[in-house]
Amino acid sequence: MSGLRGVVGPGINVEIIVKYASAFGVFSGGGKIVIGRDTRPTGEMLTSALIASLEGVGCDVVDLGIVPTPTVLFNVRSLNANGGIIVTASHNPVEWNALKFVSKRGIFLNKTETEKFHSLLEKSDKWVTWDKIGHYNRDENGISRHIKAIINNSTVMANKIRERRFRVLIDTVNGGGYLADSEILKRLGCEVISINDKPNGIFPRGPEPIPENLNMLSKAVIENRADIGFAVDPDADRLAIVDERGIPLGEEYTLPIACYHVLAGKKGAIVTNYSTSSMMDYIAGKFGVPIYRTPVGEANVVEGILKYNAVVGGEGNGGVIFPEINPTRDSLTGIALVLSFFATEGIKTSEIRKIIPERVLFKTKISIDEIDFENAIDKLKEYFSNSDIIEEDGLKIVTKDHWVHIRKSGTEPIVRIMTEGANKEDAKSFYNKIHSLITEK
């Protein structure tokens, strides 16, 4: 768990901000703390409480303003700060907000760090005297530092991208990426057409960049004869792609494309979670590199990347992690790597299946009350006893042509079920088989 979240008012308010932010300042040992936020209407109010709380325990605050979540993490490292906090509820509805906490390593807190941080929540003697109160600095250069590091990286084919002169549609859902995601495209020589780019935090579509939420982007891609369309979520750490015909590739394609480009230039391990497409296994096999899988959650994937010294990794929800630039899910880095792939391969977006054969996921959730979870696990293990069985994160079963991953949600009273097949119908058919097995009396 990297933070806390809730509906503003009953779930998260100034009192809660003061409690958590002051404890984090003590946990971080004072010094410099980098902060930023997305565009939610409640963000300014909560950020004011955040700043006062950090200064009150002696921290110097570097405020980046409205920026993507990955920009805050990047700047924690580049500014040699003691930590960072982002005010964002990511893809939750607009009435929600949250705090996400970042260690001095520029990654979200792991379990051990979170437990130590939480042990300080009730500390009463944390406030400093008037002469030791921290200072505030507004830093307008956080995005430009982030973009410069991406464009100057040798894996990013900036000149090749500029030569292609891509016409690009970008949909930032009126969120934290409204400025940064457009700016990196311009710096890469693209003709940029933006939609949903007002920093008002009112989401004109579903906040997740999944196919059913991308109708406006698809229409705009067709109308403007764009080469590619990109969509992000409100804090701009996830990236989805729409091809030149206005057809979403699905967020599962973003990471394989980015990984393919990285591995074409440098060999090394890749890390992803158990719920991510087997297209990643195809790519690992093609380049002859090991692939490691972790439980779901960015913190788990990042720890895996660091453990195995992986060159690239991420999650199948559109979260690209290229640790050489930024060891976190990063839509700006994702955009640069995806465009580098298409500029290098010289193909249209719609021709991706010629290089990376498609596998399709079917994702659903059912109420925890609908099944006896432990009994369901036992039934599946018995039925698929001759298949590969992984029990580290719920249950994952891999057969010759399919896989299923079933796990309890960590935040809701539901069970998440994902199946993969050769196409949508195949994945859904396999799910129906799984559902029948786990619900039969």
Protein backbone atom coordinates (compact mmCIF):
# COMPACT_ATOMS: atom_id res chain seq x y z
CA MET A 1 0.00 0.00 0.00
CA SER A 2 1.58 3.31 -1.09
CA GLY A 3 -1.03 5.72 0.29
CA LEU A 4 -4.55 6.36 1.48
CA ARG A 5 -7.67 7.37 -0.40
CA GLY A 6 -11.33 8.13 0.09
CA VAL A 7 -14.26 10.38 -0.77
CA VAL A 8 -13.34 13.94 0.20
CA GLY A 9 -15.16 14.88 3.39
CA PRO A 10 -15.99 11.63 5.17
CA GLY A 11 -13.09 9.58 3.80
CA ILE A 12 -10.26 12.08 3.45
CA ASN A 13 -10.15 15.60 4.87
CA VAL A 14 -7.81 18.21 6.34
CA GLU A 15 -7.59 16.40 9.68
CA ILE A 16 -6.50 13.18 7.98
CA ILE A 17 -4.04 15.04 5.73
CA VAL A 18 -2.40 16.68 8.75
CA LYS A 19 -2.08 13.34 10.54
CA TYR A 20 -0.51 11.46 7.63
CA ALA A 21 1.58 14.25 6.10
CA SER A 22 3.20 15.22 9.40
CA ALA A 23 3.98 11.58 10.18
CA PHE A 24 5.52 11.16 6.73
CA GLY A 25 7.69 14.23 7.29
CA VAL A 26 9.04 12.67 10.49
CA PHE A 27 9.44 9.28 8.77
CA SER A 28 11.47 10.95 5.99
CA GLY A 29 13.80 12.63 8.49
CA GLY A 30 12.85 16.17 7.52
CA GLY A 31 14.72 17.82 4.68
CA LYS A 32 13.35 18.24 1.17
CA ILE A 33 9.96 16.75 0.20
CA VAL A 34 8.68 17.04 -3.39
CA ILE A 35 4.92 17.34 -3.89
CA GLY A 36 2.53 17.54 -6.83
CA ARG A 37 -1.11 16.93 -7.61
CA ASP A 38 -3.61 16.13 -10.32
CA THR A 39 -6.41 18.47 -11.38
CA ARG A 40 -9.24 17.38 -9.07
CA PRO A 41 -11.22 20.33 -7.68
CA THR A 42 -10.36 19.26 -4.12
CA GLY A 43 -6.63 19.09 -4.81
CA GLU A 44 -5.79 22.70 -4.02
CA MET A 45 -7.46 22.57 -0.60
CA LEU A 46 -5.83 19.29 0.36
CA THR A 47 -2.44 20.46 -0.91
CA SER A 48 -2.62 23.55 1.32
CA ALA A 49 -3.05 21.29 4.35
CA LEU A 50 -0.25 19.06 3.08
CA ILE A 51 2.21 21.95 2.77
CA ALA A 52 1.44 23.33 6.23
CA SER A 53 1.80 19.89 7.80
CA LEU A 54 5.18 19.22 6.22
CA GLU A 55 6.54 22.65 7.09
CA GLY A 56 5.26 22.20 10.64
CA VAL A 57 7.53 19.20 11.19
CA GLY A 58 10.53 20.96 9.66
CA CYS A 59 10.39 19.81 6.03
CA ASP A 60 11.27 22.03 3.09
CA VAL A 61 8.54 21.68 0.47
CA VAL A 62 9.22 21.69 -3.28
CA ASP A 63 5.84 22.12 -4.98
CA LEU A 64 5.73 21.09 -8.65
CA GLY A 65 2.05 22.07 -9.00
CA ILE A 66 -0.21 20.11 -11.36
CA VAL A 67 1.96 17.38 -12.87
CA PRO A 68 1.77 13.67 -13.72
CA THR A 69 2.39 11.30 -10.83
CA PRO A 70 5.58 9.93 -12.48
CA THR A 71 6.95 13.48 -12.72
CA VAL A 72 6.91 13.74 -8.92
CA LEU A 73 8.73 10.43 -8.53
CA PHE A 74 11.32 11.45 -11.13
CA ASN A 75 11.97 14.74 -9.35
CA VAL A 76 12.36 13.10 -5.94
CA ARG A 77 15.42 11.39 -7.38
CA SER A 78 16.70 14.21 -9.59
CA LEU A 79 16.45 16.77 -6.75
CA ASN A 80 17.92 14.33 -4.20
CA ALA A 81 14.89 14.78 -1.95
CA ASN A 82 14.06 12.75 1.14
CA GLY A 83 10.66 11.76 -0.22
CA GLY A 84 7.57 12.86 -2.09
CA ILE A 85 3.80 13.04 -1.81
CA ILE A 86 1.25 13.16 -4.65
CA VAL A 87 -2.32 14.37 -4.14
CA THR A 88 -4.24 12.17 -6.58
CA ALA A 89 -6.85 9.43 -6.57
CA SER A 90 -5.68 8.17 -9.96
CA HIS A 91 -8.60 6.54 -11.82
CA ASN A 92 -11.14 6.87 -8.98
CA PRO A 93 -14.19 9.13 -9.55
CA VAL A 94 -13.84 12.90 -9.18
CA GLU A 95 -15.27 13.02 -5.64
CA TRP A 96 -12.35 10.90 -4.43
CA ASN A 97 -8.86 12.07 -3.57
CA ALA A 98 -5.80 10.52 -2.01
CA LEU A 99 -2.20 10.83 -0.91
CA LYS A 100 0.53 8.66 -2.43
CA PHE A 101 3.82 8.46 -0.58
CA VAL A 102 7.23 8.19 -2.26
CA SER A 103 10.51 7.10 -0.69
CA LYS A 104 13.83 8.85 -1.27
CA ARG A 105 14.54 6.12 -3.87
CA GLY A 106 11.88 7.70 -6.09
CA ILE A 107 9.53 4.72 -5.79
CA PHE A 108 6.38 4.15 -3.76
CA LEU A 109 6.79 2.90 -0.22
CA ASN A 110 7.07 -0.85 0.16
CA LYS A 111 5.32 -2.82 2.91
CA THR A 112 8.14 -2.48 5.45
CA GLU A 113 8.47 1.26 4.88
CA THR A 114 4.71 1.73 5.11
CA GLU A 115 4.56 -0.10 8.45
CA LYS A 116 7.35 2.10 9.86
CA PHE A 117 5.62 5.24 8.55
CA HIS A 118 2.27 4.21 10.03
CA SER A 119 3.87 3.58 13.42
CA LEU A 120 4.43 7.35 13.62
CA LEU A 121 0.81 8.36 13.00
CA GLU A 122 0.02 8.82 16.69
CA LYS A 123 3.29 10.56 17.55
CA SER A 124 2.38 13.76 19.42
CA ASP A 125 5.74 15.48 19.84
CA LYS A 126 6.53 15.89 16.14
CA TRP A 127 5.89 19.63 15.68
CA VAL A 128 8.97 21.88 15.54
CA THR A 129 9.48 25.30 17.11
CA TRP A 130 8.91 28.49 15.13
CA ASP A 131 12.59 28.88 14.18
CA LYS A 132 12.80 25.38 12.64
CA ILE A 133 9.70 25.49 10.45
CA GLY A 134 10.40 24.38 6.89
CA HIS A 135 10.44 26.55 3.77
CA TYR A 136 8.23 26.50 0.67
CA ASN A 137 9.49 26.63 -2.91
CA ARG A 138 7.32 26.55 -6.05
CA ASP A 139 9.26 24.78 -8.80
CA GLU A 140 7.94 25.27 -12.34
CA ASN A 141 10.63 23.12 -13.98
CA GLY A 142 9.63 19.64 -12.84
CA ILE A 143 8.03 18.67 -16.15
CA SER A 144 10.87 20.04 -18.28
CA ARG A 145 13.48 18.10 -16.27
CA HIS A 146 11.43 14.93 -16.69
CA ILE A 147 10.96 15.40 -20.45
CA LYS A 148 14.63 16.29 -20.98
CA ALA A 149 15.74 13.05 -19.32
CA ILE A 150 13.41 11.02 -21.54
CA ILE A 151 14.38 12.67 -24.83
CA ASN A 152 18.11 12.50 -24.04
CA ASN A 153 17.98 8.78 -23.26
CA SER A 154 19.75 6.72 -25.92
CA THR A 155 16.91 4.15 -26.13
CA VAL A 156 14.47 6.87 -27.19
CA MET A 157 14.82 7.38 -30.94
CA ALA A 158 14.08 11.12 -30.82
CA ASN A 159 15.52 11.92 -34.25
CA LYS A 160 13.75 9.01 -35.94
CA ILE A 161 10.46 10.10 -34.35
CA ARG A 162 10.99 13.65 -35.60
CA GLU A 163 11.67 12.32 -39.11
CA ARG A 164 8.33 10.47 -39.12
CA ARG A 165 6.44 13.67 -38.17
CA PHE A 166 3.63 11.70 -36.53
CA ARG A 167 0.22 13.33 -36.30
CA VAL A 168 -0.88 12.42 -32.77
CA LEU A 169 -4.16 12.73 -30.85
CA ILE A 170 -3.75 12.92 -27.07
CA ASP A 171 -6.59 12.57 -24.54
CA THR A 172 -5.52 13.54 -21.01
CA VAL A 173 -9.04 13.30 -19.47
CA ASN A 174 -8.65 16.88 -18.09
CA GLY A 175 -6.14 15.41 -15.65
CA GLY A 176 -2.60 15.82 -14.38
CA GLY A 177 -1.04 15.02 -17.76
CA TYR A 178 -2.87 17.85 -19.56
CA LEU A 179 0.36 19.78 -20.12
CA ALA A 180 3.20 17.25 -19.86
CA ASP A 181 1.93 14.59 -22.26
CA SER A 182 1.28 17.15 -25.00
CA GLU A 183 4.62 18.83 -24.37
CA ILE A 184 6.72 15.69 -24.83
CA LEU A 185 4.94 15.00 -28.12
CA LYS A 186 5.76 18.52 -29.33
CA ARG A 187 9.38 18.11 -28.24
CA LEU A 188 9.50 14.93 -30.32
CA GLY A 189 8.42 16.84 -33.42
CA CYS A 190 4.87 15.49 -33.58
CA GLU A 191 1.86 17.39 -34.85
CA VAL A 192 -0.23 17.36 -31.68
CA ILE A 193 -4.00 17.57 -31.41
CA SER A 194 -5.28 17.54 -27.82
CA ILE A 195 -8.72 16.70 -26.50
CA ASN A 196 -9.96 16.71 -22.91
CA ASP A 197 -7.00 18.92 -21.95
CA LYS A 198 -8.56 21.42 -19.53
CA PRO A 199 -7.01 21.29 -16.02
CA ASN A 200 -10.37 21.38 -14.25
CA GLY A 201 -10.47 17.81 -12.96
CA ILE A 202 -13.94 17.16 -14.40
CA PHE A 203 -13.56 13.90 -16.29
CA PRO A 204 -15.44 13.92 -19.63
CA ARG A 205 -15.13 10.14 -19.95
CA GLY A 206 -14.49 7.21 -17.67
CA PRO A 207 -11.12 7.95 -16.06
CA GLU A 208 -9.48 4.62 -16.92
CA PRO A 209 -7.92 4.49 -20.43
CA ILE A 210 -9.78 1.31 -21.40
CA PRO A 211 -11.43 0.75 -24.82
CA GLU A 212 -15.01 1.47 -23.72
CA ASN A 213 -13.91 4.94 -22.49
CA LEU A 214 -12.10 6.00 -25.66
CA ASN A 215 -14.95 6.76 -28.07
CA MET A 216 -14.13 10.48 -28.23
CA LEU A 217 -10.48 9.74 -28.93
CA SER A 218 -11.32 7.17 -31.60
CA LYS A 219 -13.63 9.62 -33.36
CA ALA A 220 -11.04 12.40 -33.21
CA VAL A 221 -8.30 10.14 -34.60
CA ILE A 222 -10.48 9.36 -37.63
CA GLU A 223 -11.63 12.96 -38.16
CA ASN A 224 -8.09 14.33 -37.98
CA ARG A 225 -6.49 11.48 -39.93
CA ALA A 226 -4.01 10.94 -37.12
CA ASP A 227 -1.30 8.28 -37.18
CA ILE A 228 -1.92 7.29 -33.57
CA GLY A 229 -3.97 8.25 -30.53
CA PHE A 230 -2.86 8.16 -26.91
CA ALA A 231 -5.00 8.22 -23.76
CA VAL A 232 -3.94 8.46 -20.13
CA ASP A 233 -5.66 8.30 -16.76
CA PRO A 234 -6.06 11.34 -14.43
CA ASP A 235 -2.57 11.07 -12.91
CA ALA A 236 -0.94 10.06 -16.21
CA ASP A 237 0.86 6.91 -15.15
CA ARG A 238 -1.11 4.62 -17.50
CA LEU A 239 -1.10 4.80 -21.31
CA ALA A 240 -3.42 3.32 -23.94
CA ILE A 241 -3.18 3.39 -27.74
CA VAL A 242 -5.71 3.89 -30.55
CA ASP A 243 -4.62 3.00 -34.09
CA GLU A 244 -5.01 5.19 -37.18
CA ARG A 245 -8.40 3.60 -37.92
CA GLY A 246 -9.73 4.75 -34.56
CA ILE A 247 -9.64 1.23 -33.09
CA PRO A 248 -8.24 0.87 -29.53
CA LEU A 249 -5.43 -1.65 -29.30
CA GLY A 250 -6.36 -2.30 -25.69
CA GLU A 251 -4.20 -1.25 -22.76
CA GLU A 252 -2.56 -4.70 -22.75
CA TYR A 253 -0.63 -3.83 -25.93
CA THR A 254 1.18 -0.77 -24.55
CA LEU A 255 3.72 -2.62 -22.41
CA PRO A 256 4.65 -5.30 -24.99
CA ILE A 257 5.29 -2.60 -27.61
CA ALA A 258 7.51 -0.63 -25.23
CA CYS A 259 9.35 -3.79 -24.13
CA TYR A 260 9.92 -4.91 -27.72
CA HIS A 261 11.64 -1.63 -28.53
CA VAL A 262 13.80 -1.64 -25.39
CA LEU A 263 14.90 -5.27 -25.87
CA ALA A 264 15.75 -4.69 -29.52
CA GLY A 265 18.51 -2.40 -28.30
CA LYS A 266 19.58 -3.95 -25.00
CA LYS A 267 19.16 -7.43 -23.59
CA GLY A 268 18.08 -8.05 -20.02
CA ALA A 269 15.32 -9.41 -17.83
CA ILE A 270 11.75 -8.13 -17.91
CA VAL A 271 9.33 -8.08 -14.97
CA THR A 272 5.55 -7.90 -14.95
CA ASN A 273 2.67 -9.15 -12.80
CA TYR A 274 0.67 -12.37 -12.96
CA SER A 275 -2.32 -10.64 -14.57
CA THR A 276 -0.42 -9.32 -17.58
CA SER A 277 -0.77 -10.77 -21.08
CA SER A 278 1.34 -13.69 -22.33
CA MET A 279 2.38 -11.37 -25.17
CA MET A 280 5.15 -10.55 -22.69
CA ASP A 281 6.25 -14.19 -22.69
CA TYR A 282 6.31 -14.11 -26.50
CA ILE A 283 8.61 -11.08 -26.44
CA ALA A 284 10.88 -12.58 -23.78
CA GLY A 285 11.21 -15.70 -25.93
CA LYS A 286 11.85 -13.73 -29.10
CA PHE A 287 14.76 -11.86 -27.55
CA GLY A 288 15.98 -14.76 -25.42
CA VAL A 289 15.67 -13.00 -22.07
CA PRO A 290 14.17 -14.15 -18.76
CA ILE A 291 10.75 -12.95 -17.62
CA TYR A 292 9.80 -12.74 -13.96
CA ARG A 293 6.27 -12.27 -12.63
CA THR A 294 5.16 -10.73 -9.34
CA PRO A 295 1.89 -10.25 -7.46
CA VAL A 296 -0.33 -7.46 -8.80
CA GLY A 297 0.61 -3.93 -7.72
CA GLU A 298 3.17 -1.42 -8.93
CA ALA A 299 5.26 -1.66 -5.76
CA ASN A 300 5.62 -5.43 -6.29
CA VAL A 301 6.65 -5.02 -9.92
CA VAL A 302 9.18 -2.29 -9.10
CA GLU A 303 10.72 -4.38 -6.33
CA GLY A 304 10.98 -7.23 -8.86
CA ILE A 305 12.66 -4.95 -11.39
CA LEU A 306 15.22 -3.90 -8.78
CA LYS A 307 15.73 -7.47 -7.52
CA TYR A 308 16.39 -8.94 -10.97
CA ASN A 309 18.09 -5.83 -12.38
CA ALA A 310 15.53 -5.84 -15.19
CA VAL A 311 15.90 -3.47 -18.12
CA VAL A 312 12.16 -2.90 -18.51
CA GLY A 313 8.84 -3.99 -17.03
CA GLY A 314 5.41 -2.85 -15.99
CA GLU A 315 1.78 -3.83 -15.77
CA GLY A 316 -0.79 -4.77 -18.39
CA ASN A 317 -3.05 -1.84 -17.53
CA GLY A 318 -0.87 0.44 -19.65
CA GLY A 319 1.83 0.94 -17.02
CA VAL A 320 5.29 1.11 -18.62
CA ILE A 321 8.32 1.08 -16.29
CA PHE A 322 11.73 1.85 -17.81
CA PRO A 323 14.00 2.10 -14.74
CA GLU A 324 16.87 3.70 -16.61
CA ILE A 325 14.70 6.83 -16.78
CA ASN A 326 12.13 6.45 -14.02
CA PRO A 327 11.43 3.33 -11.89
CA THR A 328 7.67 3.82 -11.91
CA ARG A 329 4.73 3.61 -14.32
CA ASP A 330 5.23 6.59 -16.61
CA SER A 331 3.03 7.64 -19.54
CA LEU A 332 5.62 10.14 -20.82
CA THR A 333 8.30 7.46 -21.05
CA GLY A 334 5.68 5.11 -22.50
CA ILE A 335 4.81 7.58 -25.27
CA ALA A 336 8.49 8.00 -26.17
CA LEU A 337 9.13 4.24 -26.29
CA VAL A 338 5.96 3.45 -28.28
CA LEU A 339 6.73 6.14 -30.87
CA SER A 340 10.34 4.92 -31.00
CA PHE A 341 9.02 1.44 -31.83
CA PHE A 342 6.81 2.63 -34.70
CA ALA A 343 9.47 5.02 -36.02
CA THR A 344 12.07 2.24 -36.02
CA GLU A 345 9.85 -0.51 -37.44
CA GLY A 346 8.31 1.77 -40.07
CA ILE A 347 4.81 0.31 -39.79
CA LYS A 348 1.34 1.73 -39.21
CA THR A 349 -0.15 1.42 -35.75
CA SER A 350 -2.76 -1.00 -37.07
CA GLU A 351 -0.03 -3.34 -38.34
CA ILE A 352 1.27 -4.16 -34.85
CA ARG A 353 -0.08 -7.73 -34.98
CA LYS A 354 2.42 -8.52 -37.77
CA ILE A 355 5.19 -8.15 -35.20
CA ILE A 356 3.53 -8.99 -31.87
CA PRO A 357 0.82 -11.67 -32.20
CA GLU A 358 -2.26 -10.66 -30.24
CA ARG A 359 -3.58 -12.37 -27.14
CA VAL A 360 -6.84 -11.10 -25.67
CA LEU A 361 -7.84 -10.80 -22.02
CA PHE A 362 -11.33 -11.03 -20.56
CA LYS A 363 -11.56 -9.24 -17.22
CA THR A 364 -14.44 -9.36 -14.79
CA LYS A 365 -15.26 -9.35 -11.10
CA ILE A 366 -17.84 -11.08 -8.95
CA SER A 367 -19.05 -10.47 -5.42
CA ILE A 368 -17.12 -12.28 -2.72
CA ASP A 369 -20.52 -13.51 -1.50
CA GLU A 370 -21.20 -15.27 -4.80
CA ILE A 371 -18.63 -17.99 -4.22
CA ASP A 372 -16.78 -19.86 -1.49
CA PHE A 373 -13.35 -18.56 -2.49
CA GLU A 374 -11.22 -21.27 -0.88
CA ASN A 375 -13.49 -24.01 -2.21
CA ALA A 376 -13.36 -22.42 -5.68
CA ILE A 377 -9.56 -22.47 -5.57
CA ASP A 378 -9.57 -26.15 -4.62
CA LYS A 379 -11.98 -27.00 -7.47
CA LEU A 380 -9.81 -25.25 -10.05
CA LYS A 381 -6.62 -26.87 -8.78
CA GLU A 382 -8.23 -30.29 -8.98
CA TYR A 383 -9.73 -29.76 -12.45
CA PHE A 384 -6.48 -28.33 -13.88
CA SER A 385 -4.13 -30.60 -11.95
CA ASN A 386 -2.06 -31.29 -15.07
CA SER A 387 -1.51 -27.58 -15.81
CA ASP A 388 0.96 -25.07 -14.39
CA ILE A 389 -0.40 -23.80 -11.07
CA ILE A 390 0.87 -20.66 -9.31
CA GLU A 391 -0.46 -19.73 -5.86
CA GLU A 392 1.61 -16.67 -4.93
CA ASP A 393 -1.13 -14.10 -5.70
CA GLY A 394 -4.48 -15.84 -5.48
CA LEU A 395 -4.41 -18.60 -8.09
CA LYS A 396 -3.08 -18.57 -11.63
CA ILE A 397 -3.45 -21.60 -13.90
CA VAL A 398 -1.66 -21.77 -17.25
CA THR A 399 -2.84 -24.29 -19.84
CA LYS A 400 -1.56 -24.85 -23.37
CA ASP A 401 -3.85 -22.24 -24.95
CA HIS A 402 -5.23 -20.19 -22.04
CA TRP A 403 -4.63 -18.89 -18.56
CA VAL A 404 -6.83 -17.76 -15.69
CA HIS A 405 -5.92 -15.58 -12.72
CA ILE A 406 -8.36 -15.38 -9.81
CA ARG A 407 -7.64 -13.24 -6.76
CA LYS A 408 -9.39 -11.33 -3.99
CA SER A 409 -9.36 -7.56 -4.35
CA GLY A 410 -7.36 -5.74 -1.71
CA THR A 411 -9.76 -2.77 -1.65
CA GLU A 412 -13.25 -4.11 -2.43
CA PRO A 413 -15.38 -7.15 -1.37
CA ILE A 414 -14.96 -8.74 -4.79
CA VAL A 415 -13.04 -11.46 -6.57
CA ARG A 416 -11.22 -10.45 -9.75
CA ILE A 417 -11.06 -13.01 -12.55
CA MET A 418 -8.99 -12.66 -15.71
CA THR A 419 -8.78 -15.13 -18.56
CA GLU A 420 -6.72 -15.04 -21.74
CA GLY A 421 -7.38 -16.57 -25.14
CA ALA A 422 -6.60 -16.20 -28.83
CA ASN A 423 -9.43 -13.69 -29.29
CA LYS A 424 -12.28 -12.09 -27.34
CA GLU A 425 -14.68 -14.98 -27.90
CA ASP A 426 -12.06 -17.55 -26.90
CA ALA A 427 -11.17 -15.68 -23.70
CA LYS A 428 -14.86 -15.25 -22.80
CA SER A 429 -15.59 -18.92 -23.49
CA PHE A 430 -12.76 -19.97 -21.19
CA TYR A 431 -14.09 -17.61 -18.51
CA ASN A 432 -17.55 -19.17 -18.80
CA LYS A 433 -15.95 -22.54 -18.14
CA ILE A 434 -14.13 -21.16 -15.08
CA HIS A 435 -17.27 -19.46 -13.76
CA SER A 436 -19.26 -22.67 -14.12
CA LEU A 437 -16.62 -24.62 -12.20
CA ILE A 438 -16.37 -22.22 -9.26
CA THR A 439 -20.10 -21.55 -8.85
CA GLU A 440 -21.49 -25.06 -9.20
CA LYS A 441 -22.84 -26.50 -5.97
